[in-house]
């Protein structure tokens, strides 16, 4: 499954980088993005479009999107693109300190619940 990770702070970028390495080792195909100039010393791709445009694009090509930051950012970004639980990508939110992993959309069918548990075990954190 292709998974796109996006962060909004330096802490989030660090966490995204670590998660990308873990998920790649688990057989996922990850891409790591940042919204801004936060990824000092980490290989990520800065988005050069609005978050809404980026989310639409990733919703069409990725099987999962992991937002590392505030849940409200994720909700606002995905809201216009939610269509059907059988076709929507798995959407997860992780707080930038990595304490909580929330499967937000497509939990059962899209695999967000399973992915949240894998991430939580790896980070030693709480799946919500």
C-alpha atoms as a PDB file:
ATOM      1  CA  UNK A   1       0.000   0.000   0.000  1.00  0.00           C
ATOM      2  CA  UNK A   2       1.228   3.471  -0.831  1.00  0.00           C
ATOM      3  CA  UNK A   3       1.190   5.767   2.200  1.00  0.00           C
ATOM      4  CA  UNK A   4       1.761   9.511   2.170  1.00  0.00           C
ATOM      5  CA  UNK A   5       2.905  11.138   5.408  1.00  0.00           C
ATOM      6  CA  UNK A   6       2.654  14.883   5.960  1.00  0.00           C
ATOM      7  CA  UNK A   7       3.871  17.034   8.830  1.00  0.00           C
ATOM      8  CA  UNK A   8       3.647  20.675   9.797  1.00  0.00           C
ATOM      9  CA  UNK A   9       6.490  21.153  12.320  1.00  0.00           C
ATOM     10  CA  UNK A  10      10.091  20.048  12.824  1.00  0.00           C
ATOM     11  CA  UNK A  11       9.009  17.485  15.452  1.00  0.00           C
ATOM     12  CA  UNK A  12       6.418  16.181  13.021  1.00  0.00           C
ATOM     13  CA  UNK A  13       8.994  15.964  10.233  1.00  0.00           C
ATOM     14  CA  UNK A  14      11.333  13.980  12.485  1.00  0.00           C
ATOM     15  CA  UNK A  15       8.526  11.591  13.390  1.00  0.00           C
ATOM     16  CA  UNK A  16       7.462  11.278   9.749  1.00  0.00           C
ATOM     17  CA  UNK A  17      10.991  10.343   8.751  1.00  0.00           C
ATOM     18  CA  UNK A  18      11.195   7.644  11.442  1.00  0.00           C
ATOM     19  CA  UNK A  19       7.770   6.282  10.540  1.00  0.00           C
ATOM     20  CA  UNK A  20       8.662   6.190   6.877  1.00  0.00           C
ATOM     21  CA  UNK A  21      11.683   3.992   7.563  1.00  0.00           C
ATOM     22  CA  UNK A  22       9.585   1.666   9.761  1.00  0.00           C
ATOM     23  CA  UNK A  23       6.711   1.439   7.273  1.00  0.00           C
ATOM     24  CA  UNK A  24       9.059   0.855   4.346  1.00  0.00           C
ATOM     25  CA  UNK A  25      10.545  -2.062   6.311  1.00  0.00           C
ATOM     26  CA  UNK A  26       6.993  -3.393   6.788  1.00  0.00           C
ATOM     27  CA  UNK A  27       6.434  -3.482   3.019  1.00  0.00           C
ATOM     28  CA  UNK A  28       4.619  -0.174   2.553  1.00  0.00           C
ATOM     29  CA  UNK A  29       5.627   2.344  -0.103  1.00  0.00           C
ATOM     30  CA  UNK A  30       5.937   5.683   1.688  1.00  0.00           C
ATOM     31  CA  UNK A  31       6.374   9.275   0.626  1.00  0.00           C
ATOM     32  CA  UNK A  32       7.158  11.956   3.203  1.00  0.00           C
ATOM     33  CA  UNK A  33       5.970  15.540   2.783  1.00  0.00           C
ATOM     34  CA  UNK A  34       6.141  18.730   4.808  1.00  0.00           C
ATOM     35  CA  UNK A  35       3.914  21.776   4.663  1.00  0.00           C
ATOM     36  CA  UNK A  36       6.584  24.423   5.119  1.00  0.00           C
ATOM     37  CA  UNK A  37      10.303  24.655   5.684  1.00  0.00           C
ATOM     38  CA  UNK A  38      10.496  22.452   8.758  1.00  0.00           C
ATOM     39  CA  UNK A  39      12.483  19.425   7.704  1.00  0.00           C
ATOM     40  CA  UNK A  40      16.023  20.483   8.515  1.00  0.00           C
ATOM     41  CA  UNK A  41      18.396  17.580   7.923  1.00  0.00           C
ATOM     42  CA  UNK A  42      15.632  15.183   6.846  1.00  0.00           C
ATOM     43  CA  UNK A  43      14.758  14.055   3.347  1.00  0.00           C
ATOM     44  CA  UNK A  44      11.169  15.140   2.734  1.00  0.00           C
ATOM     45  CA  UNK A  45       9.327  16.831  -0.074  1.00  0.00           C
ATOM     46  CA  UNK A  46       7.895  20.271   0.655  1.00  0.00           C
ATOM     47  CA  UNK A  47       4.449  20.655  -0.840  1.00  0.00           C
ATOM     48  CA  UNK A  48       4.289  23.512  -3.317  1.00  0.00           C
ATOM     49  CA  UNK A  49       0.491  23.732  -3.452  1.00  0.00           C
ATOM     50  CA  UNK A  50      -2.332  24.223  -1.016  1.00  0.00           C
ATOM     51  CA  UNK A  51      -2.981  21.502   1.542  1.00  0.00           C
ATOM     52  CA  UNK A  52      -6.393  20.999  -0.048  1.00  0.00           C
ATOM     53  CA  UNK A  53      -4.851  20.368  -3.487  1.00  0.00           C
ATOM     54  CA  UNK A  54      -2.209  18.074  -1.996  1.00  0.00           C
ATOM     55  CA  UNK A  55      -4.840  16.084  -0.095  1.00  0.00           C
ATOM     56  CA  UNK A  56      -6.995  15.661  -3.202  1.00  0.00           C
ATOM     57  CA  UNK A  57      -3.986  14.406  -5.154  1.00  0.00           C
ATOM     58  CA  UNK A  58      -2.878  11.993  -2.423  1.00  0.00           C
ATOM     59  CA  UNK A  59      -6.450  10.733  -1.889  1.00  0.00           C
ATOM     60  CA  UNK A  60      -6.477   9.662  -5.517  1.00  0.00           C
ATOM     61  CA  UNK A  61      -3.081   7.945  -5.581  1.00  0.00           C
ATOM     62  CA  UNK A  62      -2.317   6.712  -2.059  1.00  0.00           C
ATOM     63  CA  UNK A  63      -4.025   3.964  -0.110  1.00  0.00           C
ATOM     64  CA  UNK A  64      -3.351   5.852   3.104  1.00  0.00           C
ATOM     65  CA  UNK A  65      -2.517   9.318   4.365  1.00  0.00           C
ATOM     66  CA  UNK A  66      -0.928   9.987   7.745  1.00  0.00           C
ATOM     67  CA  UNK A  67      -1.237  13.536   9.059  1.00  0.00           C
ATOM     68  CA  UNK A  68       1.286  14.317  11.774  1.00  0.00           C
ATOM     69  CA  UNK A  69      -0.222  17.268  13.584  1.00  0.00           C
ATOM     70  CA  UNK A  70      -3.582  18.555  14.741  1.00  0.00           C
ATOM     71  CA  UNK A  71      -6.688  16.515  14.003  1.00  0.00           C
ATOM     72  CA  UNK A  72      -8.516  19.660  12.883  1.00  0.00           C
ATOM     73  CA  UNK A  73      -6.013  20.164  10.066  1.00  0.00           C
ATOM     74  CA  UNK A  74      -6.634  16.625   8.831  1.00  0.00           C
ATOM     75  CA  UNK A  75     -10.417  16.904   9.087  1.00  0.00           C
ATOM     76  CA  UNK A  76     -10.512  20.141   7.133  1.00  0.00           C
ATOM     77  CA  UNK A  77      -8.132  18.752   4.513  1.00  0.00           C
ATOM     78  CA  UNK A  78     -10.028  15.511   3.860  1.00  0.00           C
ATOM     79  CA  UNK A  79     -13.630  16.726   4.262  1.00  0.00           C
ATOM     80  CA  UNK A  80     -14.218  17.739   0.618  1.00  0.00           C
ATOM     81  CA  UNK A  81     -12.926  14.381  -0.649  1.00  0.00           C
ATOM     82  CA  UNK A  82     -14.745  11.849   1.550  1.00  0.00           C
ATOM     83  CA  UNK A  83     -16.909   9.693  -0.695  1.00  0.00           C
ATOM     84  CA  UNK A  84     -17.420   6.113   0.441  1.00  0.00           C
ATOM     85  CA  UNK A  85     -15.926   3.855   3.094  1.00  0.00           C
ATOM     86  CA  UNK A  86     -15.265   1.231   0.427  1.00  0.00           C
ATOM     87  CA  UNK A  87     -13.104   3.560  -1.669  1.00  0.00           C
ATOM     88  CA  UNK A  88     -11.729   6.271   0.638  1.00  0.00           C
ATOM     89  CA  UNK A  89      -8.066   5.919   1.626  1.00  0.00           C
ATOM     90  CA  UNK A  90      -7.087   5.083   5.178  1.00  0.00           C
ATOM     91  CA  UNK A  91      -6.599   8.354   7.048  1.00  0.00           C
ATOM     92  CA  UNK A  92      -4.631   8.523  10.291  1.00  0.00           C
ATOM     93  CA  UNK A  93      -3.608  11.368  12.559  1.00  0.00           C
ATOM     94  CA  UNK A  94      -0.616  11.269  14.877  1.00  0.00           C
ATOM     95  CA  UNK A  95       0.090  14.092  17.281  1.00  0.00           C
ATOM     96  CA  UNK A  96       3.501  15.633  16.647  1.00  0.00           C
ATOM     97  CA  UNK A  97       4.911  14.187  19.877  1.00  0.00           C
ATOM     98  CA  UNK A  98       3.869  10.694  18.805  1.00  0.00           C
ATOM     99  CA  UNK A  99       1.730   9.961  21.871  1.00  0.00           C
ATOM    100  CA  UNK A 100      -1.522   9.123  20.069  1.00  0.00           C
ATOM    101  CA  UNK A 101      -2.375   7.444  16.767  1.00  0.00           C
ATOM    102  CA  UNK A 102      -5.940   8.011  15.545  1.00  0.00           C
ATOM    103  CA  UNK A 103      -7.477   6.071  12.657  1.00  0.00           C
ATOM    104  CA  UNK A 104      -9.765   8.814  11.381  1.00  0.00           C
ATOM    105  CA  UNK A 105     -11.275   7.374   8.202  1.00  0.00           C
ATOM    106  CA  UNK A 106     -11.563   3.947   6.545  1.00  0.00           C
ATOM    107  CA  UNK A 107     -10.723   2.136   9.748  1.00  0.00           C
ATOM    108  CA  UNK A 108     -11.899  -1.368   8.953  1.00  0.00           C
ATOM    109  CA  UNK A 109     -12.197  -1.614   5.182  1.00  0.00           C
ATOM    110  CA  UNK A 110      -9.366   0.784   4.324  1.00  0.00           C
ATOM    111  CA  UNK A 111      -6.945  -0.619   6.893  1.00  0.00           C
ATOM    112  CA  UNK A 112      -6.522   2.477   9.079  1.00  0.00           C
ATOM    113  CA  UNK A 113      -7.166   0.530  12.304  1.00  0.00           C
ATOM    114  CA  UNK A 114      -4.551  -2.103  11.497  1.00  0.00           C
ATOM    115  CA  UNK A 115      -2.038   0.529  10.441  1.00  0.00           C
ATOM    116  CA  UNK A 116      -2.684   2.530  13.618  1.00  0.00           C
ATOM    117  CA  UNK A 117      -1.960  -0.534  15.742  1.00  0.00           C
ATOM    118  CA  UNK A 118       1.284  -1.278  13.873  1.00  0.00           C
ATOM    119  CA  UNK A 119       2.431   2.318  14.297  1.00  0.00           C
ATOM    120  CA  UNK A 120       1.390   2.410  17.962  1.00  0.00           C
ATOM    121  CA  UNK A 121       3.327  -0.751  18.749  1.00  0.00           C
ATOM    122  CA  UNK A 122       6.401   0.599  16.971  1.00  0.00           C
ATOM    123  CA  UNK A 123       6.235   3.985  18.714  1.00  0.00           C
ATOM    124  CA  UNK A 124       5.162   2.544  22.072  1.00  0.00           C
ATOM    125  CA  UNK A 125       2.176   4.853  21.978  1.00  0.00           C
ATOM    126  CA  UNK A 126      -1.609   4.746  22.310  1.00  0.00           C
ATOM    127  CA  UNK A 127      -3.913   3.841  19.405  1.00  0.00           C
ATOM    128  CA  UNK A 128      -7.184   5.722  19.830  1.00  0.00           C
END
